Amino acid sequence: MPSIKTLTVLGTGVLGSQIAFQAAFHGFAVTAYDVDEDALAKARDRFTRLAGIYRAQVAGSSEGKTEAALANLRLTADLGDAVVDPDLVIEAVPELLELKRDVYCKLAELAPAKAIFATNSSTLLPSDLKDFTGRPDRFLALHYANNIWAQNIAEVMGTAETDPAVYAAVVDFARNSGLEPIEIKTEKAGYVLNSLLVPLLNAAAGLLLQGVADPHTIDKTWRIATGAPSGPFQIYDVVGLTTAYNIASASPDAGSQAFAQYLKEHYIDQGKLGVASGEGFYKY
């Protein structure tokens, strides 16, 4: 079984930065890549905030341990430099099929043959991408939930071509980085988590667009009636409204298209992107 000790994360947005910090916190040597220095500056801020969150919320954490995690993180805006010698590369770039395919074409040429590739895509099947990786036997999906330190699952889903030893190595990596591996038996868009979550989010969007209730009322109804800690529009804010827009605009469904347009006009064009920007459906 391949051994995973070094990790590269492509994309340092809300979830990419969490993936990188979680692994670094558990002792892995992590390289975090993003497209330019401005993105990396934002990533440094995210890592600093995550260090504070881990000290406050993660059992067994301490200032020394979070400082060690920060020391385990290396940042770069050079893709070739990012993938010089990783055992595992986790791709967490925006949910755009052609963008992801282009990234994998570049990775196939730059990364060493030993490297395992994993997509964190929440909507695309690994089969949509495997032919662009140059190593379909060493490629699979590894999907994280937001707020990794608390909602610590990692869904592992291969294709028919994924080497079982590679699959087992990624399951082992997930467990060693403080996560609960969820082994998916066959390819399924949305995995387990989003197969349950997306219908809820779509229903909430429909209620809003139909004028049935406003976001706060919809969220309050869900929280009080089910005991859930967050309502669907709070979840949208955490996921990020740009991600929600990308997913909705890529759907052929008329309702999804209408929601994408609503998000663009009322939120994204005004810089309201969710938790990451300080305001979305709620202010933070």
Protein backbone atom coordinates (compact mmCIF):
# COMPACT_ATOMS: atom_id res chain seq x y z
CA MET A 1 0.00 0.00 0.00
CA PRO A 2 1.41 3.45 -0.88
CA SER A 3 2.61 5.55 2.05
CA ILE A 4 1.27 9.11 2.34
CA LYS A 5 3.44 11.51 4.32
CA THR A 6 3.55 14.65 2.18
CA LEU A 7 0.53 16.48 0.83
CA THR A 8 -0.18 19.26 -1.64
CA VAL A 9 -3.53 21.08 -1.60
CA LEU A 10 -4.50 23.00 -4.74
CA GLY A 11 -6.75 25.91 -3.79
CA THR A 12 -6.74 27.81 -0.49
CA GLY A 13 -10.35 28.96 -0.33
CA VAL A 14 -12.63 28.25 2.61
CA LEU A 15 -12.42 24.46 2.35
CA GLY A 16 -8.98 24.14 0.74
CA SER A 17 -7.40 26.04 3.62
CA GLN A 18 -9.19 23.80 6.12
CA ILE A 19 -7.99 20.65 4.33
CA ALA A 20 -4.40 21.91 4.43
CA PHE A 21 -4.51 23.01 8.08
CA GLN A 22 -6.19 19.81 9.28
CA ALA A 23 -3.46 17.68 7.73
CA ALA A 24 -0.70 19.97 9.04
CA PHE A 25 -2.26 19.87 12.52
CA HIS A 26 -1.95 16.09 12.45
CA GLY A 27 1.73 16.19 11.50
CA PHE A 28 1.71 15.97 7.71
CA ALA A 29 4.05 18.17 5.68
CA VAL A 30 1.69 20.28 3.56
CA THR A 31 2.20 22.55 0.57
CA ALA A 32 -0.71 24.89 -0.17
CA TYR A 33 -0.96 26.26 -3.71
CA ASP A 34 -2.99 29.10 -5.13
CA VAL A 35 -2.83 31.18 -8.28
CA ASP A 36 -1.13 34.36 -7.04
CA GLU A 37 0.35 36.17 -4.04
CA ASP A 38 -2.92 37.94 -3.27
CA ALA A 39 -4.66 34.58 -2.86
CA LEU A 40 -1.79 33.33 -0.69
CA ALA A 41 -2.02 36.41 1.54
CA LYS A 42 -5.68 35.57 2.14
CA ALA A 43 -4.68 31.97 2.82
CA ARG A 44 -2.21 33.08 5.51
CA ASP A 45 -5.01 34.99 7.20
CA ARG A 46 -7.26 31.92 7.03
CA PHE A 47 -4.54 29.71 8.54
CA THR A 48 -4.03 32.18 11.39
CA ARG A 49 -7.78 32.22 12.10
CA LEU A 50 -7.92 28.42 11.93
CA ALA A 51 -5.10 28.19 14.48
CA GLY A 52 -7.27 30.21 16.89
CA ILE A 53 -10.34 28.08 16.17
CA TYR A 54 -8.41 24.86 16.79
CA ARG A 55 -7.01 26.16 20.09
CA ALA A 56 -10.53 27.05 21.23
CA GLN A 57 -12.51 24.10 19.90
CA VAL A 58 -10.31 21.05 19.29
CA ALA A 59 -9.66 18.70 22.20
CA GLY A 60 -5.98 18.32 22.98
CA SER A 61 -5.04 21.45 21.08
CA SER A 62 -2.60 24.04 22.38
CA GLU A 63 -0.69 27.06 21.15
CA GLY A 64 2.35 24.86 20.67
CA LYS A 65 0.44 22.37 18.55
CA THR A 66 -1.17 25.01 16.33
CA GLU A 67 2.19 26.76 15.91
CA ALA A 68 3.64 23.42 14.83
CA ALA A 69 0.78 23.07 12.33
CA LEU A 70 1.56 26.50 10.87
CA ALA A 71 5.22 25.47 10.62
CA ASN A 72 4.15 22.36 8.67
CA LEU A 73 2.52 24.57 6.00
CA ARG A 74 4.39 25.87 2.96
CA LEU A 75 2.68 28.23 0.51
CA THR A 76 3.47 28.77 -3.15
CA ALA A 77 1.95 30.29 -6.29
CA ASP A 78 4.11 28.11 -8.57
CA LEU A 79 2.30 24.91 -9.58
CA GLY A 80 5.49 23.13 -10.54
CA ASP A 81 7.04 23.96 -7.19
CA ALA A 82 3.87 22.85 -5.40
CA VAL A 83 4.01 19.33 -6.81
CA VAL A 84 7.75 18.61 -6.81
CA ASP A 85 7.48 15.60 -4.48
CA PRO A 86 4.02 15.03 -2.89
CA ASP A 87 2.63 11.62 -2.04
CA LEU A 88 -0.91 12.98 -2.39
CA VAL A 89 -2.34 15.98 -4.25
CA ILE A 90 -5.82 17.14 -3.22
CA GLU A 91 -7.52 19.42 -5.75
CA ALA A 92 -9.92 21.96 -4.23
CA VAL A 93 -10.33 24.43 -7.10
CA PRO A 94 -13.72 25.96 -8.08
CA GLU A 95 -16.52 23.64 -9.20
CA LEU A 96 -16.02 24.21 -12.93
CA LEU A 97 -15.49 21.07 -15.01
CA GLU A 98 -13.22 22.58 -17.67
CA LEU A 99 -11.08 24.35 -15.07
CA LYS A 100 -10.57 21.12 -13.15
CA ARG A 101 -9.75 19.20 -16.32
CA ASP A 102 -7.18 21.81 -17.28
CA VAL A 103 -5.60 21.58 -13.82
CA TYR A 104 -5.27 17.82 -14.10
CA CYS A 105 -3.70 18.02 -17.56
CA LYS A 106 -1.01 20.28 -16.07
CA LEU A 107 -0.61 18.07 -13.00
CA ALA A 108 -0.13 14.98 -15.14
CA GLU A 109 2.99 16.56 -16.62
CA LEU A 110 4.38 18.16 -13.46
CA ALA A 111 3.78 15.72 -10.60
CA PRO A 112 5.95 12.65 -9.96
CA ALA A 113 4.62 9.24 -10.98
CA LYS A 114 4.22 8.21 -7.32
CA ALA A 115 1.72 11.00 -6.57
CA ILE A 116 -1.90 10.08 -5.92
CA PHE A 117 -4.44 12.64 -7.17
CA ALA A 118 -7.71 13.28 -5.33
CA THR A 119 -10.53 15.68 -6.15
CA ASN A 120 -12.53 17.33 -3.41
CA SER A 121 -15.33 18.10 -5.88
CA SER A 122 -18.73 18.10 -4.24
CA THR A 123 -20.73 17.68 -7.45
CA LEU A 124 -18.58 16.04 -10.13
CA LEU A 125 -17.86 12.34 -10.40
CA PRO A 126 -14.22 11.27 -10.46
CA SER A 127 -15.03 9.57 -13.78
CA ASP A 128 -15.63 13.07 -15.21
CA LEU A 129 -11.96 13.83 -14.58
CA LYS A 130 -9.97 10.58 -14.57
CA ASP A 131 -9.04 10.61 -18.25
CA PHE A 132 -7.29 13.97 -17.77
CA THR A 133 -5.09 12.86 -14.88
CA GLY A 134 -2.61 10.70 -16.76
CA ARG A 135 -2.96 8.13 -13.95
CA PRO A 136 -6.57 6.93 -13.58
CA ASP A 137 -5.39 4.05 -11.37
CA ARG A 138 -4.01 6.60 -8.87
CA PHE A 139 -7.00 8.94 -8.88
CA LEU A 140 -10.17 9.14 -6.79
CA ALA A 141 -12.43 11.56 -4.92
CA LEU A 142 -11.79 12.64 -1.34
CA HIS A 143 -14.61 14.90 -0.21
CA TYR A 144 -14.55 16.86 3.03
CA ALA A 145 -17.36 18.56 4.92
CA ASN A 146 -16.98 22.20 5.88
CA ASN A 147 -15.73 22.96 9.42
CA ILE A 148 -13.42 19.95 9.19
CA TRP A 149 -12.33 20.12 12.82
CA ALA A 150 -15.91 19.44 13.96
CA GLN A 151 -17.71 17.84 10.99
CA ASN A 152 -14.74 15.54 10.45
CA ILE A 153 -15.82 13.15 7.72
CA ALA A 154 -13.91 12.34 4.56
CA GLU A 155 -15.87 10.59 1.81
CA VAL A 156 -13.64 8.36 -0.32
CA MET A 157 -14.95 7.38 -3.75
CA GLY A 158 -12.96 5.73 -6.52
CA THR A 159 -13.71 4.79 -10.11
CA ALA A 160 -13.63 1.35 -11.72
CA GLU A 161 -9.96 2.05 -12.54
CA THR A 162 -8.79 3.14 -9.09
CA ASP A 163 -6.17 0.75 -7.68
CA PRO A 164 -7.59 -0.80 -4.47
CA ALA A 165 -4.21 -0.23 -2.77
CA VAL A 166 -4.43 3.49 -3.62
CA TYR A 167 -7.99 3.61 -2.26
CA ALA A 168 -6.86 1.93 0.97
CA ALA A 169 -3.94 4.36 1.31
CA VAL A 170 -6.26 7.36 1.05
CA VAL A 171 -8.66 5.87 3.61
CA ASP A 172 -5.64 5.40 5.89
CA PHE A 173 -4.51 9.00 5.28
CA ALA A 174 -7.97 10.31 6.15
CA ARG A 175 -8.01 8.40 9.41
CA ASN A 176 -4.47 9.52 10.30
CA SER A 177 -5.42 13.15 9.72
CA GLY A 178 -8.18 13.03 12.32
CA LEU A 179 -11.10 12.26 10.03
CA GLU A 180 -13.76 9.57 9.88
CA PRO A 181 -13.43 7.87 6.46
CA ILE A 182 -16.74 7.26 4.70
CA GLU A 183 -16.11 4.54 2.13
CA ILE A 184 -18.37 4.94 -0.90
CA LYS A 185 -18.99 1.62 -2.62
CA THR A 186 -19.88 2.93 -6.08
CA GLU A 187 -19.77 6.29 -7.83
CA LYS A 188 -22.63 8.55 -6.86
CA ALA A 189 -22.93 12.24 -7.68
CA GLY A 190 -23.17 14.04 -4.35
CA TYR A 191 -21.66 11.13 -2.43
CA VAL A 192 -23.64 10.43 0.77
CA LEU A 193 -23.50 13.88 2.38
CA ASN A 194 -24.59 16.03 -0.55
CA SER A 195 -27.14 13.45 -1.72
CA LEU A 196 -28.88 14.26 1.56
CA LEU A 197 -28.02 17.97 1.76
CA VAL A 198 -28.57 19.27 -1.78
CA PRO A 199 -32.31 18.48 -1.92
CA LEU A 200 -32.72 20.52 1.27
CA LEU A 201 -30.80 23.48 -0.17
CA ASN A 202 -32.72 23.31 -3.45
CA ALA A 203 -36.04 23.21 -1.62
CA ALA A 204 -35.03 26.26 0.41
CA ALA A 205 -34.04 28.13 -2.76
CA GLY A 206 -37.41 27.26 -4.30
CA LEU A 207 -39.32 28.56 -1.27
CA LEU A 208 -37.39 31.82 -1.48
CA LEU A 209 -37.87 32.33 -5.21
CA GLN A 210 -41.57 31.50 -4.96
CA GLY A 211 -41.99 34.18 -2.29
CA VAL A 212 -43.18 31.69 0.31
CA ALA A 213 -40.83 32.95 3.04
CA ASP A 214 -37.61 34.90 3.51
CA PRO A 215 -34.26 33.18 4.26
CA HIS A 216 -34.33 33.88 7.99
CA THR A 217 -37.85 32.44 8.36
CA ILE A 218 -36.96 29.35 6.35
CA ASP A 219 -33.85 28.81 8.47
CA LYS A 220 -35.73 29.37 11.73
CA THR A 221 -38.38 26.85 10.70
CA TRP A 222 -35.77 24.21 9.95
CA ARG A 223 -33.79 24.80 13.14
CA ILE A 224 -36.75 24.79 15.52
CA ALA A 225 -38.61 21.90 13.89
CA THR A 226 -35.64 19.55 13.46
CA GLY A 227 -33.18 20.63 16.13
CA ALA A 228 -30.54 21.25 13.47
CA PRO A 229 -27.90 23.83 14.42
CA SER A 230 -28.11 25.65 11.07
CA GLY A 231 -30.73 26.37 8.45
CA PRO A 232 -30.18 25.99 4.69
CA PHE A 233 -29.29 29.64 4.04
CA GLN A 234 -26.79 29.59 6.87
CA ILE A 235 -25.30 26.54 5.16
CA TYR A 236 -25.22 28.42 1.84
CA ASP A 237 -23.20 31.16 3.54
CA VAL A 238 -20.70 28.65 4.92
CA VAL A 239 -20.33 26.84 1.60
CA GLY A 240 -19.88 30.19 -0.14
CA LEU A 241 -22.28 31.88 -2.52
CA THR A 242 -19.80 31.75 -5.41
CA THR A 243 -19.72 27.96 -5.12
CA ALA A 244 -23.52 27.86 -4.88
CA TYR A 245 -23.72 30.07 -7.97
CA ASN A 246 -21.30 27.91 -9.97
CA ILE A 247 -23.22 24.75 -9.15
CA ALA A 248 -26.64 26.28 -9.84
CA SER A 249 -25.59 27.94 -13.10
CA ALA A 250 -24.14 24.66 -14.39
CA SER A 251 -27.46 22.85 -13.85
CA PRO A 252 -29.93 22.55 -16.77
CA ASP A 253 -32.82 22.88 -14.32
CA ALA A 254 -34.76 26.14 -14.78
CA GLY A 255 -35.17 26.61 -11.04
CA SER A 256 -31.43 26.28 -10.49
CA GLN A 257 -30.76 28.78 -13.26
CA ALA A 258 -33.17 31.23 -11.65
CA PHE A 259 -31.48 30.81 -8.28
CA ALA A 260 -28.07 31.39 -9.87
CA GLN A 261 -29.31 34.66 -11.33
CA TYR A 262 -30.83 35.65 -7.99
CA LEU A 263 -27.53 35.02 -6.19
CA LYS A 264 -25.61 37.03 -8.78
CA GLU A 265 -27.89 40.05 -8.73
CA HIS A 266 -28.61 40.27 -5.00
CA TYR A 267 -25.38 39.02 -3.45
CA ILE A 268 -22.34 38.22 -5.62
CA ASP A 269 -22.41 41.46 -7.63
CA GLN A 270 -22.49 43.32 -4.31
CA GLY A 271 -19.51 41.42 -2.91
CA LYS A 272 -21.67 39.44 -0.49
CA LEU A 273 -20.16 35.98 -0.79
CA GLY A 274 -21.06 34.42 2.55
CA VAL A 275 -18.96 33.85 5.65
CA ALA A 276 -15.68 34.33 3.75
CA SER A 277 -16.53 37.96 2.85
CA GLY A 278 -18.30 38.80 6.11
CA GLU A 279 -21.77 38.96 4.61
CA GLY A 280 -24.13 36.78 2.61
CA PHE A 281 -27.66 35.96 3.65
CA TYR A 282 -26.37 36.97 7.13
CA LYS A 283 -23.71 39.36 8.42
CA TYR A 284 -20.65 37.96 10.19
